[in-house]
Amino acid sequence: MLKEKIQALAESIHEEVTGLRRHLHQHPELSFAEYQTSAFIKSQLDALGIDWTPMADTGVVALIKGDKPSDSVTALRADMDALPIIEANDVPYKSKNEGVMHACGHDVHTSSLLGVAKILQNLKPEFGGTVKLIFQPAEEKLPGGASIMIKEGVLENPKPQAIIGQHVMPLIDAGKIGIRSGKYMASTDEIYVTVKGKGGHGAQPQQNIDPVVITSHIIIALQQVVSRIADPKLPTVLSFGKVIANGATNVIPNEVYLEGTFRTMDEAWRAEAHVKMKKMAEGIAESMSGSCDFNIVKGYPFLVNEEKLTARVRAFAVEYLGAENVLDLDIWMAAEDFAYYSQAADACFYRLGTRNESRGIVSSVHTPTFDIEETALKTSVGLMAYAALRQMGN
């Protein structure tokens, strides 16, 4: 049976895939600069006899066509970039690039897709259809590598009927996956604000226009966008993580600088909220004799898992892993540029469990101590290969 063959292959190549993951972990590269990573992927595909095409500078796209007749096409995506984080793990495969770390598991995604390629190449005589392998750069940085690859035609020639992606999740035990149908992850926008006033001595506020007080009013008032303007049934988040008022105990500065994020799951409301936030902030500043430069950098759209495809992938996961190892997830207000694919094609994005409490592997992504339970690589490689072939009717 297909399941047993793939499980055996995933087991047989586990040590090799672990080695690939550790190599990538030791040599992380930042968004749009994944040149060594790209070369490594190409060399691995060459060794497997798989043709590849460069895309989006450092991206790589490859096709594996089964020997049986079928026009079905399924795409599988892995991201490649790392984060500007100093790794704190004391492991043999610790990052060798100081200040750069695979703290979001993209080394897992890339090594897993290379493992999938090895399995599919081995099974070519036994399946029909074409699997498109997408090794994508720059998930972590706007405008997102996915948007660039789509513009360059990654979803054409051949056009996939479905695209499937996975992402590590340290909240889920290794050996399990999590999945959700419909809206799953939020859109994300970056907010940059400069509030301008007139600085001076803190003991003479009547001679100044205090941008610190104006900024305080703006921060509090903008939360009404979430609590009083947004539909309560629609997930919406507004957070400010950077506030710089470079004065002193007795010095009122001329301006205050803010950075924040806005996230939601509806494009019409997203656009409306942008207008309301800008108008509200500028109005408050003006009413207090100051001014406000309110700039929104539009980021990734919300991610939606197409219901029919996701139901099939969930069923395939139950077949492959057992029902007890397939968890239902809630919405997640983080963002992912896989969302671009989900807006352009039928897509399914699920979570790969990587947790092992007994070994202390519990740290969140984007932290200096993030790591994975490497037995999860068997799950990631095997399930993705199985889901792709089953999706194409094998």
Protein backbone atom coordinates (compact mmCIF):
# COMPACT_ATOMS: atom_id res chain seq x y z
CA MET A 1 0.00 0.00 0.00
CA LEU A 2 1.04 3.60 -0.65
CA LYS A 3 0.99 4.56 3.02
CA GLU A 4 3.26 1.74 4.09
CA LYS A 5 5.72 2.42 1.27
CA ILE A 6 5.96 6.09 2.13
CA GLN A 7 6.28 5.39 5.84
CA ALA A 8 9.12 2.97 5.15
CA LEU A 9 10.87 5.48 2.88
CA ALA A 10 10.42 8.30 5.43
CA GLU A 11 11.99 6.05 8.05
CA SER A 12 14.86 5.01 5.79
CA ILE A 13 15.86 8.59 4.91
CA HIS A 14 15.28 10.08 8.34
CA GLU A 15 18.96 10.22 9.23
CA GLU A 16 19.74 11.85 5.88
CA VAL A 17 16.97 14.44 6.24
CA THR A 18 18.15 15.16 9.78
CA GLY A 19 21.60 15.83 8.35
CA LEU A 20 20.13 18.19 5.77
CA ARG A 21 18.23 20.04 8.46
CA ARG A 22 21.33 20.37 10.65
CA HIS A 23 23.41 21.64 7.73
CA LEU A 24 20.81 24.30 6.97
CA HIS A 25 20.53 25.18 10.66
CA GLN A 26 24.28 25.75 10.83
CA HIS A 27 24.26 28.01 7.77
CA PRO A 28 21.21 30.31 8.11
CA GLU A 29 20.73 33.28 5.80
CA LEU A 30 18.47 36.30 6.05
CA SER A 31 15.55 37.14 3.76
CA PHE A 32 16.45 37.88 0.13
CA ALA A 33 20.05 36.74 0.80
CA GLU A 34 19.66 32.95 0.80
CA TYR A 35 22.41 32.35 -1.78
CA GLN A 36 24.20 29.45 -0.08
CA THR A 37 20.87 27.90 0.85
CA SER A 38 19.70 28.14 -2.75
CA ALA A 39 22.92 26.58 -4.04
CA PHE A 40 22.60 23.76 -1.50
CA ILE A 41 19.03 23.02 -2.60
CA LYS A 42 20.07 22.97 -6.26
CA SER A 43 22.92 20.57 -5.51
CA GLN A 44 20.57 18.22 -3.66
CA LEU A 45 18.08 18.26 -6.54
CA ASP A 46 20.91 17.66 -9.02
CA ALA A 47 21.99 14.61 -7.03
CA LEU A 48 18.44 13.26 -7.26
CA GLY A 49 18.28 13.90 -11.00
CA ILE A 50 15.50 16.46 -10.64
CA ASP A 51 15.42 19.46 -12.97
CA TRP A 52 15.00 22.86 -11.36
CA THR A 53 14.40 26.46 -12.36
CA PRO A 54 15.58 29.58 -10.48
CA MET A 55 12.96 32.13 -9.51
CA ALA A 56 12.78 35.30 -7.41
CA ASP A 57 16.59 35.48 -7.34
CA THR A 58 17.25 32.84 -4.65
CA GLY A 59 14.09 30.76 -5.06
CA VAL A 60 14.04 27.33 -6.70
CA VAL A 61 11.19 25.49 -8.43
CA ALA A 62 11.33 21.82 -9.43
CA LEU A 63 8.93 19.36 -11.04
CA ILE A 64 8.55 15.64 -10.42
CA LYS A 65 6.27 13.91 -12.90
CA GLY A 66 4.97 10.43 -12.20
CA ASP A 67 5.20 7.78 -14.91
CA LYS A 68 1.47 7.02 -14.90
CA PRO A 69 -0.79 9.21 -17.08
CA SER A 70 -2.42 12.13 -15.23
CA ASP A 71 -2.86 15.87 -15.76
CA SER A 72 -3.17 16.54 -12.03
CA VAL A 73 -0.69 19.02 -10.52
CA THR A 74 -0.10 19.67 -6.82
CA ALA A 75 2.38 22.23 -5.45
CA LEU A 76 4.30 21.87 -2.20
CA ARG A 77 5.97 24.89 -0.63
CA ALA A 78 8.87 25.36 1.79
CA ASP A 79 10.38 28.68 2.88
CA MET A 80 14.15 29.13 3.23
CA ASP A 81 15.08 32.26 5.18
CA ALA A 82 16.23 32.73 8.77
CA LEU A 83 15.94 35.50 11.37
CA PRO A 84 18.32 38.11 12.85
CA ILE A 85 18.57 36.31 16.22
CA ILE A 86 21.66 35.18 18.16
CA GLU A 87 21.23 31.47 18.85
CA ALA A 88 21.46 30.43 22.51
CA ASN A 89 21.25 26.66 22.00
CA ASP A 90 24.29 24.58 22.93
CA VAL A 91 24.01 21.96 20.19
CA PRO A 92 26.49 20.53 17.64
CA TYR A 93 24.51 22.11 14.81
CA LYS A 94 24.38 25.62 16.31
CA SER A 95 24.36 28.49 13.82
CA LYS A 96 27.78 29.39 12.44
CA ASN A 97 26.52 32.73 11.13
CA GLU A 98 26.69 35.04 14.15
CA GLY A 99 23.46 36.93 14.69
CA VAL A 100 21.45 34.80 12.26
CA MET A 101 19.37 31.78 13.29
CA HIS A 102 16.76 29.43 11.92
CA ALA A 103 14.46 30.34 14.79
CA CYS A 104 11.24 29.82 12.84
CA GLY A 105 11.88 26.32 11.52
CA HIS A 106 12.42 27.11 7.87
CA ASP A 107 15.38 24.72 7.96
CA VAL A 108 12.83 22.05 8.84
CA HIS A 109 10.54 23.05 5.99
CA THR A 110 13.34 23.07 3.39
CA SER A 111 14.99 19.82 4.48
CA SER A 112 11.56 18.18 4.64
CA LEU A 113 10.73 19.19 1.08
CA LEU A 114 14.08 17.79 -0.07
CA GLY A 115 13.13 14.57 1.69
CA VAL A 116 9.75 14.61 -0.06
CA ALA A 117 11.59 15.02 -3.37
CA LYS A 118 13.65 11.90 -2.63
CA ILE A 119 10.53 9.87 -1.80
CA LEU A 120 8.62 11.04 -4.87
CA GLN A 121 11.58 10.40 -7.16
CA ASN A 122 11.72 6.86 -5.76
CA LEU A 123 7.99 6.34 -6.36
CA LYS A 124 7.77 7.84 -9.87
CA PRO A 125 6.85 4.51 -11.53
CA GLU A 126 3.92 4.12 -9.13
CA PHE A 127 2.02 7.42 -9.35
CA GLY A 128 0.38 9.73 -11.83
CA GLY A 129 0.48 13.51 -11.83
CA THR A 130 3.07 16.25 -11.36
CA VAL A 131 4.32 17.60 -8.06
CA LYS A 132 5.72 21.13 -8.15
CA LEU A 133 8.30 21.78 -5.42
CA ILE A 134 8.54 25.44 -4.40
CA PHE A 135 11.57 26.49 -2.35
CA GLN A 136 10.68 30.08 -1.51
CA PRO A 137 12.86 32.89 -0.16
CA ALA A 138 12.00 35.70 2.22
CA GLU A 139 8.90 34.65 4.11
CA GLU A 140 10.01 36.81 7.03
CA LYS A 141 10.30 40.16 5.27
CA LEU A 142 7.91 42.35 3.29
CA PRO A 143 6.84 42.16 0.53
CA GLY A 144 7.31 38.42 1.06
CA GLY A 145 8.93 35.98 -1.32
CA ALA A 146 5.59 34.37 -2.09
CA SER A 147 4.25 37.54 -3.69
CA ILE A 148 7.34 37.80 -5.89
CA MET A 149 7.22 34.16 -6.96
CA ILE A 150 3.54 34.45 -7.86
CA LYS A 151 4.29 37.52 -9.98
CA GLU A 152 7.05 35.56 -11.71
CA GLY A 153 4.63 32.73 -12.53
CA VAL A 154 5.20 30.05 -9.91
CA LEU A 155 1.50 29.10 -10.07
CA GLU A 156 1.60 28.68 -13.85
CA ASN A 157 3.19 26.30 -16.36
CA PRO A 158 1.97 23.95 -15.02
CA LYS A 159 -0.83 25.40 -12.94
CA PRO A 160 -1.45 23.45 -9.73
CA GLN A 161 -4.96 22.47 -8.71
CA ALA A 162 -3.81 22.71 -5.10
CA ILE A 163 -0.91 24.02 -3.04
CA ILE A 164 0.03 22.58 0.34
CA GLY A 165 2.39 23.99 2.97
CA GLN A 166 3.40 23.14 6.51
CA HIS A 167 4.92 25.05 9.41
CA VAL A 168 6.51 23.93 12.66
CA MET A 169 4.53 24.46 15.85
CA PRO A 170 6.26 23.90 19.20
CA LEU A 171 2.91 23.87 21.02
CA ILE A 172 2.12 20.50 19.41
CA ASP A 173 3.96 17.29 20.26
CA ALA A 174 6.18 15.71 17.62
CA GLY A 175 4.30 13.04 15.69
CA LYS A 176 1.13 15.12 15.54
CA ILE A 177 -0.15 17.84 13.22
CA GLY A 178 -2.75 20.59 13.59
CA ILE A 179 -5.11 21.84 10.91
CA ARG A 180 -7.98 24.29 10.44
CA SER A 181 -10.40 24.81 7.57
CA GLY A 182 -11.37 28.27 6.37
CA LYS A 183 -9.80 31.49 7.69
CA TYR A 184 -6.73 30.55 9.68
CA MET A 185 -4.09 33.31 9.89
CA ALA A 186 -4.36 37.10 9.94
CA SER A 187 -3.34 39.79 7.52
CA THR A 188 -0.53 41.96 8.81
CA ASP A 189 0.22 45.65 8.32
CA GLU A 190 3.05 47.72 9.74
CA ILE A 191 2.24 51.13 11.24
CA TYR A 192 4.80 53.93 11.46
CA VAL A 193 3.76 57.18 13.16
CA THR A 194 5.55 60.42 13.92
CA VAL A 195 3.70 62.79 16.25
CA LYS A 196 5.07 66.34 16.07
CA GLY A 197 4.75 69.11 18.61
CA LYS A 198 6.97 71.81 20.09
CA GLY A 199 9.53 70.76 22.67
CA GLY A 200 10.84 72.68 25.62
CA HIS A 201 11.32 72.69 29.37
CA GLY A 202 9.17 70.25 31.28
CA ALA A 203 8.46 72.89 33.92
CA GLN A 204 6.90 75.21 31.33
CA PRO A 205 4.30 73.09 29.54
CA GLN A 206 2.26 76.18 28.61
CA GLN A 207 5.03 77.21 26.21
CA ASN A 208 5.17 73.81 24.50
CA ILE A 209 3.01 71.49 22.42
CA ASP A 210 3.63 68.19 24.16
CA PRO A 211 3.86 65.32 21.62
CA VAL A 212 4.12 62.78 24.45
CA VAL A 213 0.66 63.65 25.74
CA ILE A 214 -0.71 63.77 22.19
CA THR A 215 0.78 60.33 21.50
CA SER A 216 -0.76 58.94 24.68
CA HIS A 217 -4.20 60.08 23.55
CA ILE A 218 -3.65 58.60 20.08
CA ILE A 219 -2.57 55.18 21.42
CA ILE A 220 -5.59 54.92 23.72
CA ALA A 221 -8.06 56.29 21.17
CA LEU A 222 -6.94 53.93 18.41
CA GLN A 223 -7.92 50.95 20.53
CA GLN A 224 -11.51 52.01 19.85
CA VAL A 225 -10.94 50.73 16.31
CA VAL A 226 -10.77 47.27 17.85
CA SER A 227 -13.24 47.61 20.71
CA ARG A 228 -15.92 49.90 19.27
CA ILE A 229 -15.66 50.05 15.47
CA ALA A 230 -14.70 46.51 14.44
CA ASP A 231 -17.42 43.86 14.31
CA PRO A 232 -16.96 41.89 17.57
CA LYS A 233 -17.22 38.66 15.56
CA LEU A 234 -14.26 39.66 13.37
CA PRO A 235 -10.80 39.04 14.86
CA THR A 236 -8.86 42.33 14.98
CA VAL A 237 -5.60 43.21 16.73
CA LEU A 238 -3.84 46.57 17.05
CA SER A 239 -0.58 46.69 19.01
CA PHE A 240 2.19 49.24 19.36
CA GLY A 241 5.55 47.76 20.26
CA LYS A 242 7.86 50.75 19.89
CA VAL A 243 7.43 54.24 21.39
CA ILE A 244 10.37 56.65 21.29
CA ALA A 245 10.07 60.02 23.03
CA ASN A 246 13.68 61.11 23.23
CA GLY A 247 13.35 63.77 25.89
CA ALA A 248 14.38 63.66 29.55
CA THR A 249 12.87 64.09 33.02
CA ASN A 250 12.57 67.81 32.43
CA VAL A 251 12.73 67.95 28.62
CA ILE A 252 9.68 67.68 26.37
CA PRO A 253 10.81 66.46 22.92
CA ASN A 254 9.75 67.93 19.61
CA GLU A 255 8.34 64.63 18.37
CA VAL A 256 7.45 61.06 19.32
CA TYR A 257 7.91 58.02 17.11
CA LEU A 258 5.64 54.95 17.12
CA GLU A 259 5.69 51.54 15.46
CA GLY A 260 2.88 49.00 15.57
CA THR A 261 0.98 46.26 13.81
CA PHE A 262 -2.60 45.88 12.65
CA ARG A 263 -4.05 42.43 11.95
CA THR A 264 -7.43 41.13 10.89
CA MET A 265 -9.17 38.58 8.68
CA ASP A 266 -11.32 40.59 6.28
CA GLU A 267 -9.96 42.65 3.39
CA ALA A 268 -12.85 45.15 3.27
CA TRP A 269 -12.60 45.85 7.00
CA ARG A 270 -8.81 46.01 6.72
CA ALA A 271 -9.05 48.83 4.16
CA GLU A 272 -11.72 50.66 6.17
CA ALA A 273 -9.69 50.41 9.38
CA HIS A 274 -6.64 51.91 7.67
CA VAL A 275 -8.65 55.02 6.78
CA LYS A 276 -10.23 55.31 10.22
CA MET A 277 -6.94 54.94 12.12
CA LYS A 278 -5.18 57.56 10.03
CA LYS A 279 -8.08 60.02 10.28
CA MET A 280 -8.43 59.50 14.02
CA ALA A 281 -4.71 59.95 14.77
CA GLU A 282 -4.35 63.03 12.60
CA GLY A 283 -7.52 64.55 14.06
CA ILE A 284 -6.38 64.07 17.65
CA ALA A 285 -2.99 65.58 16.94
CA GLU A 286 -4.53 68.57 15.19
CA SER A 287 -7.06 69.13 17.97
CA MET A 288 -4.14 69.38 20.42
CA SER A 289 -2.20 71.84 18.18
CA GLY A 290 0.24 69.22 16.94
CA SER A 291 0.50 67.16 13.77
CA CYS A 292 0.81 63.51 12.89
CA ASP A 293 2.44 61.60 10.02
CA PHE A 294 0.57 58.28 9.96
CA ASN A 295 1.98 55.71 7.54
CA ILE A 296 0.66 52.18 7.00
CA VAL A 297 2.78 49.66 5.09
CA LYS A 298 0.43 47.00 3.81
CA GLY A 299 1.72 43.50 4.45
CA TYR A 300 0.50 39.97 3.86
CA PRO A 301 -3.21 39.20 3.31
CA PHE A 302 -5.09 36.81 5.57
CA LEU A 303 -4.57 33.10 5.03
CA VAL A 304 -7.56 30.94 4.16
CA ASN A 305 -7.53 27.16 3.90
CA GLU A 306 -9.88 26.13 1.10
CA GLU A 307 -12.50 23.96 2.77
CA LYS A 308 -12.74 21.03 0.35
CA LEU A 309 -8.99 20.70 -0.07
CA THR A 310 -8.40 21.05 3.67
CA ALA A 311 -11.00 18.37 4.40
CA ARG A 312 -9.14 16.04 2.04
CA VAL A 313 -5.73 16.84 3.54
CA ARG A 314 -7.14 16.28 7.02
CA ALA A 315 -8.52 12.91 5.92
CA PHE A 316 -5.14 12.00 4.39
CA ALA A 317 -3.45 12.95 7.67
CA VAL A 318 -5.83 10.72 9.62
CA GLU A 319 -5.07 7.86 7.20
CA TYR A 320 -1.34 8.39 7.54
CA LEU A 321 -0.96 9.32 11.22
CA GLY A 322 -4.13 8.10 12.92
CA ALA A 323 -7.01 10.25 14.14
CA GLU A 324 -5.45 10.76 17.57
CA ASN A 325 -2.50 12.56 15.95
CA VAL A 326 -4.54 15.08 13.93
CA LEU A 327 -5.63 18.10 15.97
CA ASP A 328 -8.14 20.82 15.15
CA LEU A 329 -6.71 24.32 15.49
CA ASP A 330 -8.21 27.69 16.35
CA ILE A 331 -7.51 30.87 14.38
CA TRP A 332 -3.97 32.21 14.72
CA MET A 333 -3.37 35.97 14.61
CA ALA A 334 0.20 35.59 13.43
CA ALA A 335 0.82 36.11 9.72
CA GLU A 336 2.47 34.11 6.92
CA ASP A 337 3.15 34.97 3.32
CA PHE A 338 1.77 31.57 2.29
CA ALA A 339 -1.43 33.66 2.47
CA TYR A 340 -0.60 35.00 -1.01
CA TYR A 341 -0.86 31.48 -2.41
CA SER A 342 -4.12 30.96 -0.54
CA GLN A 343 -5.58 34.08 -2.18
CA ALA A 344 -4.53 32.87 -5.66
CA ALA A 345 -5.21 29.11 -5.55
CA ASP A 346 -6.85 26.36 -3.50
CA ALA A 347 -4.48 26.07 -0.54
CA CYS A 348 -3.99 24.15 2.68
CA PHE A 349 -1.49 25.18 5.36
CA TYR A 350 -1.13 22.94 8.40
CA ARG A 351 1.04 22.83 11.52
CA LEU A 352 3.75 20.27 12.21
CA GLY A 353 4.24 19.32 15.85
CA THR A 354 7.87 19.64 17.02
CA ARG A 355 7.55 19.63 20.82
CA ASN A 356 9.21 17.21 23.25
CA GLU A 357 8.78 18.27 26.88
CA SER A 358 10.88 15.38 28.21
CA ARG A 359 13.89 16.77 26.32
CA GLY A 360 13.08 20.40 27.11
CA ILE A 361 12.24 21.21 23.50
CA VAL A 362 9.43 23.66 24.24
CA SER A 363 10.65 27.11 23.19
CA SER A 364 8.51 29.25 20.93
CA VAL A 365 9.50 30.20 17.42
CA HIS A 366 11.38 33.51 17.05
CA THR A 367 13.31 32.89 20.28
CA PRO A 368 17.06 32.21 20.74
CA THR A 369 16.36 28.76 22.22
CA PHE A 370 13.97 27.44 19.58
CA ASP A 371 14.74 23.88 18.47
CA ILE A 372 12.78 20.84 17.33
CA GLU A 373 12.35 17.19 18.21
CA GLU A 374 13.93 15.76 15.07
CA THR A 375 11.71 12.68 14.93
CA ALA A 376 9.14 15.19 13.65
CA LEU A 377 11.02 15.09 10.34
CA LYS A 378 9.62 11.61 9.71
CA THR A 379 6.12 13.03 10.05
CA SER A 380 6.85 16.11 7.95
CA VAL A 381 8.43 14.23 5.05
CA GLY A 382 6.06 11.28 4.98
CA LEU A 383 2.79 13.13 5.41
CA MET A 384 3.58 15.77 2.79
CA ALA A 385 4.55 13.13 0.24
CA TYR A 386 1.45 11.08 1.06
CA ALA A 387 -0.92 14.05 0.94
CA ALA A 388 0.46 15.19 -2.42
CA LEU A 389 0.02 11.79 -4.05
CA ARG A 390 -3.41 11.18 -2.53
CA GLN A 391 -4.54 14.65 -3.59
CA MET A 392 -3.70 13.68 -7.19
CA GLY A 393 -5.84 10.56 -6.95
CA ASN A 394 -3.15 7.98 -6.20
